[in-house]
């Protein structure tokens, strides 16, 4: 059942992005309910299952040059993950870290305490 739910959520988000409704897409992710089995504390399942959904919107925002909105979505995603070790392992983290470095933008708000890289 979880897979079907995630597939549906991805479809809704993709539709919002494709129609150019980025505010609607952001609002959709704010209200997104993550299945309790997946979000069990101490598991990385939440990142494995939901990172692609958040990455889809973050990538679309970055491609539009809207790092401010991408940062807002990333902060929301980071809070939903609720675990710095899982956050640093997410594709969203890796993408934004590289984009911020390329743009010379301060990454401190998004930085994970578990990121020991330079």
Protein backbone atom coordinates (compact mmCIF):
# COMPACT_ATOMS: atom_id res chain seq x y z
CA UNK A 1 0.00 0.00 0.00
CA UNK A 2 2.86 2.39 0.77
CA UNK A 3 4.25 2.08 -2.76
CA UNK A 4 0.88 2.93 -4.31
CA UNK A 5 0.50 5.93 -2.02
CA UNK A 6 3.97 7.23 -2.87
CA UNK A 7 3.34 6.67 -6.59
CA UNK A 8 0.10 8.68 -6.32
CA UNK A 9 1.79 11.48 -4.35
CA UNK A 10 4.56 11.65 -6.96
CA UNK A 11 1.97 11.85 -9.74
CA UNK A 12 0.13 14.73 -8.03
CA UNK A 13 3.38 16.62 -7.42
CA UNK A 14 4.57 16.07 -10.99
CA UNK A 15 1.27 17.39 -12.30
CA UNK A 16 1.59 20.54 -10.16
CA UNK A 17 5.18 21.14 -11.30
CA UNK A 18 4.34 20.52 -14.96
CA UNK A 19 1.50 23.03 -14.78
CA UNK A 20 3.88 25.61 -13.32
CA UNK A 21 2.09 25.71 -9.95
CA UNK A 22 5.20 25.79 -7.75
CA UNK A 23 3.34 27.35 -4.83
CA UNK A 24 0.79 24.55 -5.02
CA UNK A 25 3.60 21.98 -5.20
CA UNK A 26 5.24 23.47 -2.10
CA UNK A 27 1.92 23.48 -0.25
CA UNK A 28 1.31 19.88 -1.29
CA UNK A 29 4.61 18.79 0.23
CA UNK A 30 3.97 20.76 3.43
CA UNK A 31 0.72 18.83 3.88
CA UNK A 32 2.21 15.51 2.75
CA UNK A 33 1.56 12.82 5.32
CA UNK A 34 4.36 10.32 5.58
CA UNK A 35 3.16 6.84 6.47
CA UNK A 36 4.00 6.10 10.17
CA UNK A 37 5.65 2.79 9.27
CA UNK A 38 8.11 4.67 7.05
CA UNK A 39 8.77 7.56 9.41
CA UNK A 40 9.57 5.32 12.37
CA UNK A 41 12.33 7.11 14.32
CA UNK A 42 15.82 5.86 13.68
CA UNK A 43 15.18 4.47 10.22
CA UNK A 44 16.45 5.79 6.91
CA UNK A 45 13.31 4.52 5.17
CA UNK A 46 11.82 8.00 5.05
CA UNK A 47 14.71 9.19 2.89
CA UNK A 48 14.69 6.10 0.66
CA UNK A 49 10.96 6.41 0.00
CA UNK A 50 10.35 10.17 -0.06
CA UNK A 51 13.61 11.79 -1.14
CA UNK A 52 12.75 11.41 -4.86
CA UNK A 53 9.50 13.35 -4.37
CA UNK A 54 11.19 16.26 -2.62
CA UNK A 55 14.12 16.12 -5.04
CA UNK A 56 11.73 16.50 -7.96
CA UNK A 57 10.45 19.85 -6.67
CA UNK A 58 13.84 21.07 -5.42
CA UNK A 59 15.41 20.28 -8.80
CA UNK A 60 12.62 22.12 -10.63
CA UNK A 61 13.12 25.17 -8.40
CA UNK A 62 16.91 25.10 -8.78
CA UNK A 63 16.50 24.83 -12.58
CA UNK A 64 14.37 27.98 -12.44
CA UNK A 65 17.11 29.72 -10.44
CA UNK A 66 14.87 29.95 -7.37
CA UNK A 67 17.27 28.90 -4.61
CA UNK A 68 15.19 30.69 -1.97
CA UNK A 69 12.16 28.47 -2.60
CA UNK A 70 14.39 25.41 -2.97
CA UNK A 71 15.85 26.21 0.44
CA UNK A 72 12.36 26.51 1.98
CA UNK A 73 11.37 23.12 0.58
CA UNK A 74 14.66 21.62 1.78
CA UNK A 75 14.18 22.98 5.31
CA UNK A 76 10.71 21.48 5.38
CA UNK A 77 12.07 18.14 4.15
CA UNK A 78 14.89 18.26 6.69
CA UNK A 79 12.33 18.79 9.49
CA UNK A 80 10.17 15.90 8.22
CA UNK A 81 13.24 13.63 8.23
CA UNK A 82 14.08 14.83 11.74
CA UNK A 83 17.48 13.16 11.72
CA UNK A 84 20.74 14.84 10.62
CA UNK A 85 22.37 11.54 9.72
CA UNK A 86 19.56 10.65 7.31
CA UNK A 87 19.41 14.25 6.01
CA UNK A 88 23.09 14.27 4.98
CA UNK A 89 22.48 11.03 3.03
CA UNK A 90 19.62 12.47 0.99
CA UNK A 91 19.96 13.36 -2.68
CA UNK A 92 18.39 16.74 -1.92
CA UNK A 93 21.23 17.52 0.48
CA UNK A 94 23.91 16.55 -2.04
CA UNK A 95 22.28 18.55 -4.85
CA UNK A 96 21.77 21.71 -2.81
CA UNK A 97 25.22 21.59 -1.25
CA UNK A 98 26.82 21.54 -4.71
CA UNK A 99 24.48 24.24 -6.08
CA UNK A 100 25.12 26.48 -3.07
CA UNK A 101 28.89 26.05 -3.40
CA UNK A 102 28.68 26.87 -7.12
CA UNK A 103 26.64 30.00 -6.36
CA UNK A 104 28.83 31.02 -3.41
CA UNK A 105 25.73 30.89 -1.21
CA UNK A 106 25.74 30.27 2.54
CA UNK A 107 24.74 26.65 3.21
CA UNK A 108 24.72 26.88 7.02
CA UNK A 109 20.91 26.70 7.41
CA UNK A 110 20.77 23.39 5.57
CA UNK A 111 24.07 21.92 6.74
CA UNK A 112 23.89 18.65 8.64
CA UNK A 113 25.84 18.26 11.87
CA UNK A 114 26.82 14.85 10.47
CA UNK A 115 28.49 16.33 7.36
CA UNK A 116 32.18 15.92 8.01
CA UNK A 117 33.25 16.78 4.46
CA UNK A 118 35.02 20.03 3.67
